[in-house]
Full PDB file with SEQRES, HELIX, SHEET, SSBOND, CRYST1, ORIGX, SCALE, CONECT and MASTER records, all heavy atoms in Angstrom:
SEQRES   1 A   30  GLU ALA LEU ALA ALA TYR PHE LEU ALA GLN SER SER ILE          
SEQRES   2 A   30  SER GLU VAL ARG LEU ASN ASP ASN THR ILE ASP ASN ASP          
SEQRES   3 A   30  LEU THR TYR ASN                                              
HELIX    1 AA1 ALA A    2  LEU A    8  1                                   7    
HELIX    2 AA2 GLN A   10  LEU A   18  1                                   9    
CRYST1    1.000    1.000    1.000  90.00  90.00  90.00 P 1           1          
ORIGX1      1.000000  0.000000  0.000000        0.00000                         
ORIGX2      0.000000  1.000000  0.000000        0.00000                         
ORIGX3      0.000000  0.000000  1.000000        0.00000                         
SCALE1      1.000000  0.000000  0.000000        0.00000                         
SCALE2      0.000000  1.000000  0.000000        0.00000                         
SCALE3      0.000000  0.000000  1.000000        0.00000                         
ATOM      1  N   GLU A   1     103.893  83.821 107.134  1.00  0.00           N  
ATOM      2  CA  GLU A   1     104.223  82.573 106.424  1.00  0.00           C  
ATOM      3  C   GLU A   1     103.565  81.396 107.085  1.00  0.00           C  
ATOM      4  O   GLU A   1     103.046  80.462 106.376  1.00  0.00           O  
ATOM      5  CB  GLU A   1     105.762  82.376 106.380  1.00  0.00           C  
ATOM      6  CG  GLU A   1     106.183  81.162 105.609  1.00  0.00           C  
ATOM      7  CD  GLU A   1     107.701  80.943 105.618  1.00  0.00           C  
ATOM      8  OE1 GLU A   1     108.298  81.360 106.598  1.00  0.00           O  
ATOM      9  OE2 GLU A   1     108.244  80.344 104.669  1.00  0.00           O  
ATOM     10  N   ALA A   2     103.546  81.322 108.401  1.00  0.00           N  
ATOM     11  CA  ALA A   2     102.919  80.205 109.113  1.00  0.00           C  
ATOM     12  C   ALA A   2     101.427  80.158 108.844  1.00  0.00           C  
ATOM     13  O   ALA A   2     100.875  79.072 108.585  1.00  0.00           O  
ATOM     14  CB  ALA A   2     103.183  80.363 110.605  1.00  0.00           C  
ATOM     15  N   LEU A   3     100.770  81.312 108.870  1.00  0.00           N  
ATOM     16  CA  LEU A   3      99.337  81.354 108.539  1.00  0.00           C  
ATOM     17  C   LEU A   3      99.057  80.924 107.121  1.00  0.00           C  
ATOM     18  O   LEU A   3      98.111  80.175 106.852  1.00  0.00           O  
ATOM     19  CB  LEU A   3      98.801  82.800 108.811  1.00  0.00           C  
ATOM     20  CG  LEU A   3      98.759  83.209 110.261  1.00  0.00           C  
ATOM     21  CD1 LEU A   3      98.415  84.731 110.332  1.00  0.00           C  
ATOM     22  CD2 LEU A   3      97.754  82.381 111.044  1.00  0.00           C  
ATOM     23  N   ALA A   4      99.889  81.391 106.185  1.00  0.00           N  
ATOM     24  CA  ALA A   4      99.738  80.977 104.768  1.00  0.00           C  
ATOM     25  C   ALA A   4      99.917  79.474 104.625  1.00  0.00           C  
ATOM     26  O   ALA A   4      99.138  78.828 103.921  1.00  0.00           O  
ATOM     27  CB  ALA A   4     100.695  81.732 103.919  1.00  0.00           C  
ATOM     28  N   ALA A   5     100.914  78.910 105.275  1.00  0.00           N  
ATOM     29  CA  ALA A   5     101.150  77.465 105.187  1.00  0.00           C  
ATOM     30  C   ALA A   5      99.968  76.680 105.752  1.00  0.00           C  
ATOM     31  O   ALA A   5      99.587  75.636 105.169  1.00  0.00           O  
ATOM     32  CB  ALA A   5     102.443  77.109 105.954  1.00  0.00           C  
ATOM     33  N   TYR A   6      99.444  77.175 106.836  1.00  0.00           N  
ATOM     34  CA  TYR A   6      98.318  76.465 107.472  1.00  0.00           C  
ATOM     35  C   TYR A   6      97.101  76.407 106.498  1.00  0.00           C  
ATOM     36  O   TYR A   6      96.506  75.353 106.253  1.00  0.00           O  
ATOM     37  CB  TYR A   6      97.915  77.154 108.764  1.00  0.00           C  
ATOM     38  CG  TYR A   6      96.585  76.652 109.336  1.00  0.00           C  
ATOM     39  CD1 TYR A   6      96.511  75.421 110.011  1.00  0.00           C  
ATOM     40  CD2 TYR A   6      95.424  77.446 109.192  1.00  0.00           C  
ATOM     41  CE1 TYR A   6      95.331  74.980 110.500  1.00  0.00           C  
ATOM     42  CE2 TYR A   6      94.227  76.955 109.702  1.00  0.00           C  
ATOM     43  CZ  TYR A   6      94.165  75.757 110.363  1.00  0.00           C  
ATOM     44  OH  TYR A   6      92.953  75.250 110.865  1.00  0.00           O  
ATOM     45  N   PHE A   7      96.724  77.542 105.930  1.00  0.00           N  
ATOM     46  CA  PHE A   7      95.568  77.584 105.052  1.00  0.00           C  
ATOM     47  C   PHE A   7      95.767  76.851 103.711  1.00  0.00           C  
ATOM     48  O   PHE A   7      94.909  76.147 103.253  1.00  0.00           O  
ATOM     49  CB  PHE A   7      95.123  79.020 104.838  1.00  0.00           C  
ATOM     50  CG  PHE A   7      94.488  79.688 106.031  1.00  0.00           C  
ATOM     51  CD1 PHE A   7      95.156  80.655 106.717  1.00  0.00           C  
ATOM     52  CD2 PHE A   7      93.244  79.252 106.485  1.00  0.00           C  
ATOM     53  CE1 PHE A   7      94.560  81.283 107.832  1.00  0.00           C  
ATOM     54  CE2 PHE A   7      92.677  79.843 107.582  1.00  0.00           C  
ATOM     55  CZ  PHE A   7      93.300  80.863 108.260  1.00  0.00           C  
ATOM     56  N   LEU A   8      96.967  77.002 103.182  1.00  0.00           N  
ATOM     57  CA  LEU A   8      97.253  76.354 101.893  1.00  0.00           C  
ATOM     58  C   LEU A   8      97.466  74.856 101.997  1.00  0.00           C  
ATOM     59  O   LEU A   8      97.373  74.154 100.998  1.00  0.00           O  
ATOM     60  CB  LEU A   8      98.502  77.009 101.248  1.00  0.00           C  
ATOM     61  CG  LEU A   8      98.295  78.458 100.791  1.00  0.00           C  
ATOM     62  CD1 LEU A   8      99.626  79.046 100.306  1.00  0.00           C  
ATOM     63  CD2 LEU A   8      97.251  78.554  99.641  1.00  0.00           C  
ATOM     64  N   ALA A   9      97.709  74.394 103.185  1.00  0.00           N  
ATOM     65  CA  ALA A   9      97.939  72.942 103.402  1.00  0.00           C  
ATOM     66  C   ALA A   9      96.652  72.196 103.706  1.00  0.00           C  
ATOM     67  O   ALA A   9      96.679  70.960 103.841  1.00  0.00           O  
ATOM     68  CB  ALA A   9      98.937  72.702 104.553  1.00  0.00           C  
ATOM     69  N   GLN A  10      95.537  72.878 103.816  1.00  0.00           N  
ATOM     70  CA  GLN A  10      94.278  72.200 104.209  1.00  0.00           C  
ATOM     71  C   GLN A  10      93.869  71.055 103.287  1.00  0.00           C  
ATOM     72  O   GLN A  10      93.419  70.037 103.750  1.00  0.00           O  
ATOM     73  CB  GLN A  10      93.171  73.236 104.383  1.00  0.00           C  
ATOM     74  CG  GLN A  10      93.348  74.155 105.575  1.00  0.00           C  
ATOM     75  CD  GLN A  10      93.553  73.426 106.888  1.00  0.00           C  
ATOM     76  OE1 GLN A  10      92.722  72.619 107.288  1.00  0.00           O  
ATOM     77  NE2 GLN A  10      94.689  73.709 107.551  1.00  0.00           N  
ATOM     78  N   SER A  11      93.970  71.267 101.974  1.00  0.00           N  
ATOM     79  CA  SER A  11      93.568  70.202 101.035  1.00  0.00           C  
ATOM     80  C   SER A  11      94.497  68.990 101.206  1.00  0.00           C  
ATOM     81  O   SER A  11      94.033  67.810 101.129  1.00  0.00           O  
ATOM     82  CB  SER A  11      93.589  70.700  99.611  1.00  0.00           C  
ATOM     83  OG  SER A  11      94.894  71.154  99.220  1.00  0.00           O  
ATOM     84  N   SER A  12      95.801  69.264 101.367  1.00  0.00           N  
ATOM     85  CA  SER A  12      96.742  68.125 101.579  1.00  0.00           C  
ATOM     86  C   SER A  12      96.463  67.375 102.866  1.00  0.00           C  
ATOM     87  O   SER A  12      96.555  66.147 102.940  1.00  0.00           O  
ATOM     88  CB  SER A  12      98.154  68.630 101.551  1.00  0.00           C  
ATOM     89  OG  SER A  12      98.522  69.187 100.303  1.00  0.00           O  
ATOM     90  N   ILE A  13      96.109  68.135 103.884  1.00  0.00           N  
ATOM     91  CA  ILE A  13      95.748  67.510 105.181  1.00  0.00           C  
ATOM     92  C   ILE A  13      94.518  66.649 105.046  1.00  0.00           C  
ATOM     93  O   ILE A  13      94.446  65.511 105.592  1.00  0.00           O  
ATOM     94  CB  ILE A  13      95.547  68.628 106.261  1.00  0.00           C  
ATOM     95  CG1 ILE A  13      96.843  69.301 106.558  1.00  0.00           C  
ATOM     96  CG2 ILE A  13      94.962  67.989 107.548  1.00  0.00           C  
ATOM     97  CD1 ILE A  13      96.700  70.535 107.402  1.00  0.00           C  
ATOM     98  N   SER A  14      93.545  67.135 104.308  1.00  0.00           N  
ATOM     99  CA  SER A  14      92.339  66.316 104.042  1.00  0.00           C  
ATOM    100  C   SER A  14      92.641  65.030 103.330  1.00  0.00           C  
ATOM    101  O   SER A  14      92.145  63.962 103.699  1.00  0.00           O  
ATOM    102  CB  SER A  14      91.318  67.120 103.251  1.00  0.00           C  
ATOM    103  OG  SER A  14      90.912  68.284 103.947  1.00  0.00           O  
ATOM    104  N   GLU A  15      93.554  65.083 102.354  1.00  0.00           N  
ATOM    105  CA  GLU A  15      93.969  63.854 101.666  1.00  0.00           C  
ATOM    106  C   GLU A  15      94.673  62.855 102.617  1.00  0.00           C  
ATOM    107  O   GLU A  15      94.453  61.665 102.554  1.00  0.00           O  
ATOM    108  CB  GLU A  15      94.899  64.231 100.485  1.00  0.00           C  
ATOM    109  CG  GLU A  15      94.212  64.965  99.379  1.00  0.00           C  
ATOM    110  CD  GLU A  15      95.167  65.349  98.236  1.00  0.00           C  
ATOM    111  OE1 GLU A  15      96.347  64.915  98.332  1.00  0.00           O  
ATOM    112  OE2 GLU A  15      94.754  66.095  97.347  1.00  0.00           O  
ATOM    113  N   VAL A  16      95.537  63.409 103.450  1.00  0.00           N  
ATOM    114  CA  VAL A  16      96.215  62.562 104.395  1.00  0.00           C  
ATOM    115  C   VAL A  16      95.235  61.872 105.342  1.00  0.00           C  
ATOM    116  O   VAL A  16      95.354  60.677 105.637  1.00  0.00           O  
ATOM    117  CB  VAL A  16      97.226  63.417 105.231  1.00  0.00           C  
ATOM    118  CG1 VAL A  16      97.729  62.629 106.455  1.00  0.00           C  
ATOM    119  CG2 VAL A  16      98.438  63.807 104.374  1.00  0.00           C  
ATOM    120  N   ARG A  17      94.242  62.643 105.765  1.00  0.00           N  
ATOM    121  CA  ARG A  17      93.296  62.039 106.739  1.00  0.00           C  
ATOM    122  C   ARG A  17      92.413  61.000 106.077  1.00  0.00           C  
ATOM    123  O   ARG A  17      91.880  60.101 106.722  1.00  0.00           O  
ATOM    124  CB  ARG A  17      92.397  63.188 107.308  1.00  0.00           C  
ATOM    125  CG  ARG A  17      93.148  64.044 108.322  1.00  0.00           C  
ATOM    126  CD  ARG A  17      92.313  65.195 108.812  1.00  0.00           C  
ATOM    127  NE  ARG A  17      92.829  65.739 110.059  1.00  0.00           N  
ATOM    128  CZ  ARG A  17      92.331  66.812 110.645  1.00  0.00           C  
ATOM    129  NH1 ARG A  17      91.318  67.475 110.136  1.00  0.00           N  
ATOM    130  NH2 ARG A  17      92.837  67.239 111.789  1.00  0.00           N  
ATOM    131  N   LEU A  18      92.239  61.100 104.751  1.00  0.00           N  
ATOM    132  CA  LEU A  18      91.378  60.117 104.063  1.00  0.00           C  
ATOM    133  C   LEU A  18      92.181  58.880 103.700  1.00  0.00           C  
ATOM    134  O   LEU A  18      91.598  57.881 103.268  1.00  0.00           O  
ATOM    135  CB  LEU A  18      90.814  60.774 102.756  1.00  0.00           C  
ATOM    136  CG  LEU A  18      89.752  61.834 103.005  1.00  0.00           C  
ATOM    137  CD1 LEU A  18      89.384  62.478 101.649  1.00  0.00           C  
ATOM    138  CD2 LEU A  18      88.497  61.245 103.632  1.00  0.00           C  
ATOM    139  N   ASN A  19      93.521  58.929 103.853  1.00  0.00           N  
ATOM    140  CA  ASN A  19      94.317  57.800 103.524  1.00  0.00           C  
ATOM    141  C   ASN A  19      94.068  56.674 104.504  1.00  0.00           C  
ATOM    142  O   ASN A  19      94.259  56.843 105.727  1.00  0.00           O  
ATOM    143  CB  ASN A  19      95.819  58.196 103.611  1.00  0.00           C  
ATOM    144  CG  ASN A  19      96.719  57.138 103.030  1.00  0.00           C  
ATOM    145  OD1 ASN A  19      96.351  56.020 102.818  1.00  0.00           O  
ATOM    146  ND2 ASN A  19      97.966  57.559 102.680  1.00  0.00           N  
ATOM    147  N   ASP A  20      93.580  55.553 104.026  1.00  0.00           N  
ATOM    148  CA  ASP A  20      93.187  54.468 104.900  1.00  0.00           C  
ATOM    149  C   ASP A  20      94.222  53.400 105.168  1.00  0.00           C  
ATOM    150  O   ASP A  20      93.991  52.339 105.737  1.00  0.00           O  
ATOM    151  CB  ASP A  20      91.891  53.782 104.382  1.00  0.00           C  
ATOM    152  CG  ASP A  20      92.082  53.206 102.984  1.00  0.00           C  
ATOM    153  OD1 ASP A  20      93.220  53.319 102.445  1.00  0.00           O  
ATOM    154  OD2 ASP A  20      91.132  52.616 102.440  1.00  0.00           O  
ATOM    155  N   ASN A  21      95.480  53.674 104.702  1.00  0.00           N  
ATOM    156  CA  ASN A  21      96.520  52.678 104.982  1.00  0.00           C  
ATOM    157  C   ASN A  21      96.844  52.706 106.442  1.00  0.00           C  
ATOM    158  O   ASN A  21      96.635  53.672 107.157  1.00  0.00           O  
ATOM    159  CB  ASN A  21      97.759  52.918 104.099  1.00  0.00           C  
ATOM    160  CG  ASN A  21      98.511  54.158 104.481  1.00  0.00           C  
ATOM    161  OD1 ASN A  21      98.908  54.359 105.634  1.00  0.00           O  
ATOM    162  ND2 ASN A  21      98.809  54.995 103.499  1.00  0.00           N  
ATOM    163  N   THR A  22      97.413  51.665 106.927  1.00  0.00           N  
ATOM    164  CA  THR A  22      97.741  51.486 108.332  1.00  0.00           C  
ATOM    165  C   THR A  22      99.271  51.573 108.581  1.00  0.00           C  
ATOM    166  O   THR A  22      99.741  51.133 109.619  1.00  0.00           O  
ATOM    167  CB  THR A  22      97.254  50.148 108.856  1.00  0.00           C  
ATOM    168  OG1 THR A  22      97.785  49.094 108.140  1.00  0.00           O  
ATOM    169  CG2 THR A  22      95.707  50.084 108.751  1.00  0.00           C  
ATOM    170  N   ILE A  23      99.979  52.170 107.615  1.00  0.00           N  
ATOM    171  CA  ILE A  23     101.434  52.297 107.795  1.00  0.00           C  
ATOM    172  C   ILE A  23     101.742  53.204 109.027  1.00  0.00           C  
ATOM    173  O   ILE A  23     101.188  54.285 109.159  1.00  0.00           O  
ATOM    174  CB  ILE A  23     102.075  52.961 106.530  1.00  0.00           C  
ATOM    175  CG1 ILE A  23     101.839  52.075 105.288  1.00  0.00           C  
ATOM    176  CG2 ILE A  23     103.524  53.219 106.703  1.00  0.00           C  
ATOM    177  CD1 ILE A  23     102.306  52.668 103.996  1.00  0.00           C  
ATOM    178  N   ASP A  24     102.594  52.691 109.836  1.00  0.00           N  
ATOM    179  CA  ASP A  24     103.043  53.429 111.054  1.00  0.00           C  
ATOM    180  C   ASP A  24     101.926  53.755 112.015  1.00  0.00           C  
ATOM    181  O   ASP A  24     102.016  54.730 112.769  1.00  0.00           O  
ATOM    182  CB  ASP A  24     103.782  54.735 110.662  1.00  0.00           C  
ATOM    183  CG  ASP A  24     105.176  54.443 110.125  1.00  0.00           C  
ATOM    184  OD1 ASP A  24     105.667  53.326 110.306  1.00  0.00           O  
ATOM    185  OD2 ASP A  24     105.791  55.368 109.529  1.00  0.00           O  
ATOM    186  N   ASN A  25     100.879  52.975 112.022  1.00  0.00           N  
ATOM    187  CA  ASN A  25      99.796  53.181 112.971  1.00  0.00           C  
ATOM    188  C   ASN A  25     100.230  52.807 114.395  1.00  0.00           C  
ATOM    189  O   ASN A  25      99.446  52.966 115.372  1.00  0.00           O  
ATOM    190  CB  ASN A  25      98.545  52.398 112.617  1.00  0.00           C  
ATOM    191  CG  ASN A  25      97.596  53.231 111.747  1.00  0.00           C  
ATOM    192  OD1 ASN A  25      97.970  54.350 111.321  1.00  0.00           O  
ATOM    193  ND2 ASN A  25      96.450  52.688 111.449  1.00  0.00           N  
ATOM    194  N   ASP A  26     101.411  52.270 114.499  1.00  0.00           N  
ATOM    195  CA  ASP A  26     101.993  51.984 115.850  1.00  0.00           C  
ATOM    196  C   ASP A  26     102.893  53.138 116.256  1.00  0.00           C  
ATOM    197  O   ASP A  26     103.639  53.001 117.263  1.00  0.00           O  
ATOM    198  CB  ASP A  26     102.710  50.653 115.881  1.00  0.00           C  
ATOM    199  CG  ASP A  26     103.892  50.652 114.861  1.00  0.00           C  
ATOM    200  OD1 ASP A  26     103.924  51.511 113.962  1.00  0.00           O  
ATOM    201  OD2 ASP A  26     104.754  49.763 115.012  1.00  0.00           O  
ATOM    202  N   LEU A  27     102.887  54.230 115.546  1.00  0.00           N  
ATOM    203  CA  LEU A  27     103.727  55.373 115.887  1.00  0.00           C  
ATOM    204  C   LEU A  27     103.365  55.935 117.224  1.00  0.00           C  
ATOM    205  O   LEU A  27     102.186  56.347 117.463  1.00  0.00           O  
ATOM    206  CB  LEU A  27     103.599  56.448 114.794  1.00  0.00           C  
ATOM    207  CG  LEU A  27     104.586  57.652 114.915  1.00  0.00           C  
ATOM    208  CD1 LEU A  27     106.026  57.181 114.658  1.00  0.00           C  
ATOM    209  CD2 LEU A  27     104.181  58.742 113.914  1.00  0.00           C  
ATOM    210  N   THR A  28     104.296  56.027 118.154  1.00  0.00           N  
ATOM    211  CA  THR A  28     104.056  56.554 119.477  1.00  0.00           C  
ATOM    212  C   THR A  28     104.944  57.802 119.653  1.00  0.00           C  
ATOM    213  O   THR A  28     105.835  58.075 118.881  1.00  0.00           O  
ATOM    214  CB  THR A  28     104.450  55.550 120.555  1.00  0.00           C  
ATOM    215  OG1 THR A  28     105.846  55.258 120.475  1.00  0.00           O  
ATOM    216  CG2 THR A  28     103.640  54.239 120.369  1.00  0.00           C  
ATOM    217  N   TYR A  29     104.570  58.573 120.711  1.00  0.00           N  
ATOM    218  CA  TYR A  29     105.435  59.747 121.026  1.00  0.00           C  
ATOM    219  C   TYR A  29     106.842  59.306 121.353  1.00  0.00           C  
ATOM    220  O   TYR A  29     107.837  60.054 121.034  1.00  0.00           O  
ATOM    221  CB  TYR A  29     104.816  60.544 122.155  1.00  0.00           C  
ATOM    222  CG  TYR A  29     103.511  61.192 121.788  1.00  0.00           C  
ATOM    223  CD1 TYR A  29     102.361  60.940 122.484  1.00  0.00           C  
ATOM    224  CD2 TYR A  29     103.403  62.094 120.714  1.00  0.00           C  
ATOM    225  CE1 TYR A  29     101.112  61.519 122.167  1.00  0.00           C  
ATOM    226  CE2 TYR A  29     102.235  62.676 120.350  1.00  0.00           C  
ATOM    227  CZ  TYR A  29     101.097  62.394 121.075  1.00  0.00           C  
ATOM    228  OH  TYR A  29      99.910  63.000 120.739  1.00  0.00           O  
ATOM    229  N   ASN A  30     107.001  58.164 121.909  1.00  0.00           N  
ATOM    230  CA  ASN A  30     108.318  57.692 122.247  1.00  0.00           C  
ATOM    231  C   ASN A  30     109.114  57.401 120.954  1.00  0.00           C  
ATOM    232  O   ASN A  30     110.298  57.766 120.862  1.00  0.00           O  
ATOM    233  CB  ASN A  30     108.257  56.363 123.082  1.00  0.00           C  
ATOM    234  CG  ASN A  30     109.605  55.904 123.497  1.00  0.00           C  
ATOM    235  OD1 ASN A  30     110.447  56.650 124.006  1.00  0.00           O  
ATOM    236  ND2 ASN A  30     109.848  54.611 123.353  1.00  0.00           N  
TER     237      ASN A  30                                                      
MASTER        0    0    0    2    0    0    0    6  236    1    0    3          
END                                                                             
């Protein structure tokens, strides 16, 4: 299931990475 989720989410991940908004760009590990 984990492998399937990883491969099937690639297009969604690409869309997220192309999102140029700056919402929560101050998000820290803390």
